[in-house]
Protein backbone atom coordinates (compact mmCIF):
# COMPACT_ATOMS: atom_id res chain seq x y z
CA MET A 1 -0.09 -0.05 0.09
CA LYS A 2 1.36 3.35 -0.95
CA LEU A 3 1.22 6.12 1.68
CA THR A 4 2.36 9.13 -0.47
CA SER A 5 -0.19 10.89 -2.60
CA CYS A 6 -0.10 11.85 -6.15
CA ALA A 7 1.33 15.45 -7.19
CA ASN A 8 -1.80 15.98 -9.09
CA GLU A 9 -4.31 15.14 -6.43
CA LYS A 10 -4.40 18.64 -5.15
CA GLU A 11 -5.24 20.04 -8.46
CA VAL A 12 -7.84 17.34 -9.27
CA ARG A 13 -9.40 17.94 -5.58
CA GLU A 14 -9.60 21.75 -6.33
CA LEU A 15 -11.26 21.23 -9.58
CA ILE A 16 -13.78 18.81 -7.97
CA THR A 17 -14.56 21.19 -5.07
CA ARG A 18 -15.12 24.16 -7.50
CA GLY A 19 -17.45 21.80 -9.45
CA CYS A 20 -15.42 22.11 -12.72
CA TRP A 21 -14.46 18.49 -13.14
CA PRO A 22 -14.16 17.40 -15.93
CA ALA A 23 -15.05 20.44 -18.17
CA ALA A 24 -12.28 22.68 -16.98
CA CYS A 25 -9.48 20.17 -16.98
CA THR A 26 -6.73 19.56 -19.59
CA PRO A 27 -6.70 16.28 -21.63
CA GLU A 28 -3.41 15.61 -19.84
CA LEU A 29 -4.95 15.74 -16.50
CA ARG A 30 -7.88 13.50 -17.66
CA ALA A 31 -5.30 10.97 -18.93
CA HIS A 32 -3.44 11.10 -15.66
CA VAL A 33 -6.86 10.50 -13.65
CA SER A 34 -7.62 7.52 -15.73
CA ALA A 35 -4.02 6.15 -15.04
CA CYS A 36 -3.40 7.21 -11.51
CA ARG A 37 -5.20 4.95 -9.02
CA ALA A 38 -5.47 7.57 -6.16
CA CYS A 39 -6.70 10.54 -8.46
CA GLY A 40 -9.24 8.00 -9.96
CA ASP A 41 -10.53 6.98 -6.70
CA LEU A 42 -10.87 10.66 -5.66
CA VAL A 43 -12.93 11.38 -8.91
CA LEU A 44 -15.15 8.37 -8.31
CA VAL A 45 -15.72 8.80 -4.75
CA ALA A 46 -16.59 12.73 -5.26
CA GLN A 47 -18.98 11.86 -8.30
CA ALA A 48 -20.68 9.13 -5.98
CA PHE A 49 -21.17 11.83 -3.27
CA ARG A 50 -22.35 14.39 -5.87
CA GLN A 51 -24.85 11.97 -7.42
CA ALA A 52 -26.12 10.97 -3.86
CA ARG A 53 -26.67 14.53 -2.91
CA ALA A 54 -28.46 15.35 -6.08
CA GLU A 55 -30.71 12.48 -5.63
CA SER A 56 -31.57 13.29 -1.96
CA THR A 57 -32.08 16.81 -2.70
CA ALA A 58 -34.42 15.85 -5.55
CA ALA A 59 -36.33 13.27 -3.37
CA ALA A 60 -36.75 15.86 -0.42
CA ARG A 61 -39.47 18.15 -1.23
CA PRO A 62 -38.79 21.40 0.62
CA VAL A 63 -41.65 22.84 2.50
CA SER A 64 -42.33 26.48 2.01
CA PRO A 65 -41.27 28.77 4.84
CA ALA A 66 -44.81 30.12 5.11
CA LEU A 67 -45.97 26.71 5.79
CA LEU A 68 -43.36 26.05 8.56
CA LEU A 69 -44.21 29.34 10.19
CA TRP A 70 -47.94 28.57 10.12
CA ARG A 71 -47.26 25.17 11.89
CA ALA A 72 -45.19 26.82 14.49
CA GLU A 73 -47.73 29.52 15.21
CA LEU A 74 -50.43 26.74 15.23
CA ARG A 75 -48.35 24.78 17.85
CA ARG A 76 -47.86 28.01 19.79
CA HIS A 77 -51.58 28.65 19.81
CA ASP A 78 -52.37 25.19 20.98
CA ALA A 79 -50.08 25.25 23.88
CA ALA A 80 -51.63 28.64 24.80
CA MET A 81 -55.13 27.41 24.68
CA GLU A 82 -54.02 24.35 26.71
CA ARG A 83 -52.49 26.58 29.33
CA ILE A 84 -55.67 28.82 29.37
CA GLY A 85 -57.88 25.85 29.61
CA ARG A 86 -56.50 24.40 32.66
CA PRO A 87 -57.89 27.15 35.03
CA ILE A 88 -61.33 27.01 33.02
CA PHE A 89 -61.46 23.35 33.68
CA GLY A 90 -60.87 24.02 37.38
CA ALA A 91 -63.62 26.68 37.28
CA GLN A 92 -66.02 24.25 35.62
CA ILE A 93 -65.35 21.57 38.25
CA PHE A 94 -65.99 24.19 41.11
CA ALA A 95 -69.29 25.31 39.53
CA PHE A 96 -70.36 21.65 39.13
CA ALA A 97 -69.52 21.09 42.72
CA VAL A 98 -71.45 24.08 43.96
CA MET A 99 -74.34 23.03 41.79
CA LEU A 100 -74.21 19.49 43.21
CA VAL A 101 -73.90 20.79 46.82
CA ALA A 102 -76.89 23.16 46.19
CA ALA A 103 -79.11 20.23 44.73
CA LEU A 104 -78.13 17.98 47.59
CA GLY A 105 -79.12 20.60 50.08
CA PHE A 106 -82.35 21.25 48.44
CA ALA A 107 -83.11 17.49 48.31
CA GLY A 108 -82.19 17.15 52.01
CA LEU A 109 -84.26 19.98 53.04
CA GLU A 110 -87.18 18.61 51.14
CA ALA A 111 -86.48 15.01 52.51
CA ARG A 112 -86.67 16.61 56.06
CA GLU A 113 -89.99 18.54 55.16
CA GLY A 114 -91.59 15.57 53.33
CA ALA A 115 -91.89 14.52 49.81
CA ALA A 116 -95.27 16.38 49.18
CA TRP A 117 -93.61 18.36 46.46
CA ALA A 118 -93.19 15.15 44.33
CA THR A 119 -96.98 14.76 43.81
CA TRP A 120 -99.24 16.47 41.20
CA ALA A 121 -101.61 17.87 43.64
CA PHE A 122 -98.84 19.89 45.38
CA TRP A 123 -97.81 21.59 42.20
CA ARG A 124 -101.42 22.16 41.08
CA ASP A 125 -102.20 23.94 44.41
CA TRP A 126 -98.97 25.78 44.26
CA LEU A 127 -99.73 27.06 40.79
CA ALA A 128 -103.11 28.08 41.75
CA GLN A 129 -101.83 30.23 44.84
CA LEU A 130 -98.92 31.76 42.86
CA PRO A 131 -100.56 34.97 41.53
CA GLN A 132 -102.07 35.90 44.74
CA ALA A 133 -98.99 35.07 46.70
CA ALA A 134 -96.67 36.91 44.32
CA ALA A 135 -99.00 40.05 44.51
CA ALA A 136 -98.74 39.78 48.44
CA HIS A 137 -95.07 39.27 48.20
CA TRP A 138 -94.26 42.41 46.00
CA ARG A 139 -96.68 44.50 48.10
CA GLY A 140 -94.65 43.50 51.12
CA TRP A 141 -91.32 44.42 49.36
CA SER A 142 -92.73 47.83 48.16
CA SER A 143 -93.92 48.67 51.95
CA GLY A 144 -90.70 47.45 53.37
CA ALA A 145 -92.39 44.65 55.34
CA ALA A 146 -90.67 41.23 55.24
CA ASP A 147 -92.92 38.64 53.53
CA THR A 148 -93.05 35.38 55.70
CA SER A 149 -95.57 33.36 53.60
CA GLY A 150 -95.07 29.70 53.41
CA TRP A 151 -94.33 29.58 49.70
CA SER A 152 -91.71 32.29 49.46
CA TRP A 153 -88.88 29.62 49.95
CA MET A 154 -90.31 28.10 46.64
CA VAL A 155 -89.63 31.17 44.76
CA LEU A 156 -86.15 31.23 46.01
CA ALA A 157 -85.70 27.52 45.27
CA ALA A 158 -86.94 28.04 41.80
CA ALA A 159 -84.77 31.06 41.12
CA ALA A 160 -81.86 28.96 42.59
CA ALA A 161 -82.83 26.02 40.36
CA SER A 162 -83.06 28.24 37.20
CA LEU A 163 -79.72 29.82 38.07
CA LEU A 164 -78.12 26.21 38.46
CA LEU A 165 -79.54 25.05 35.08
CA LEU A 166 -78.46 28.05 33.39
CA SER A 167 -74.90 27.86 34.58
CA GLY A 168 -74.89 24.15 33.73
CA ALA A 169 -76.03 25.05 30.17
CA ALA A 170 -73.31 27.68 29.88
CA ILE A 171 -70.74 25.35 31.03
CA PHE A 172 -72.02 22.92 28.52
CA LEU A 173 -71.81 25.61 25.79
CA ALA A 174 -68.41 26.83 26.84
CA ASN A 175 -67.13 23.23 26.35
CA ASP A 176 -68.80 22.79 23.00
CA GLN A 177 -66.67 25.62 21.27
């Protein structure tokens, strides 16, 4: 095995590096490369690397910079939405817990008072008394007197139930996006 290099190897390497091989070389240098094993191997390897590079560049379809920027912005937006969504999810759990506690409290109060509210007769009588009781209630408010009628807790319960139902609907619609 020969450890010394060819005297023309430097010139051949320079032509290959500049991309001028074989167009800019002399016929004597071409004859030398075909005869010299070191220079011939150098040209062969350089041409193989150049061909592999051309094939890989042709195979890779470069993506436009606008698409890369759009993808990066989309990832950044998704990460920000996830960070924002964590406290909202906690607030939704808190709202659900408050709604559940209120419903259980109402059910417990009604269980202690009796389950008469679950019958049709109770609701029919309550609806029949509602206009007179509402008028008396509003007269009490306008005169400054406190209304202590037996049905006023039902108005409060109906308002609380409406609030709970509306908050549940708002939570559902906020999650739907």
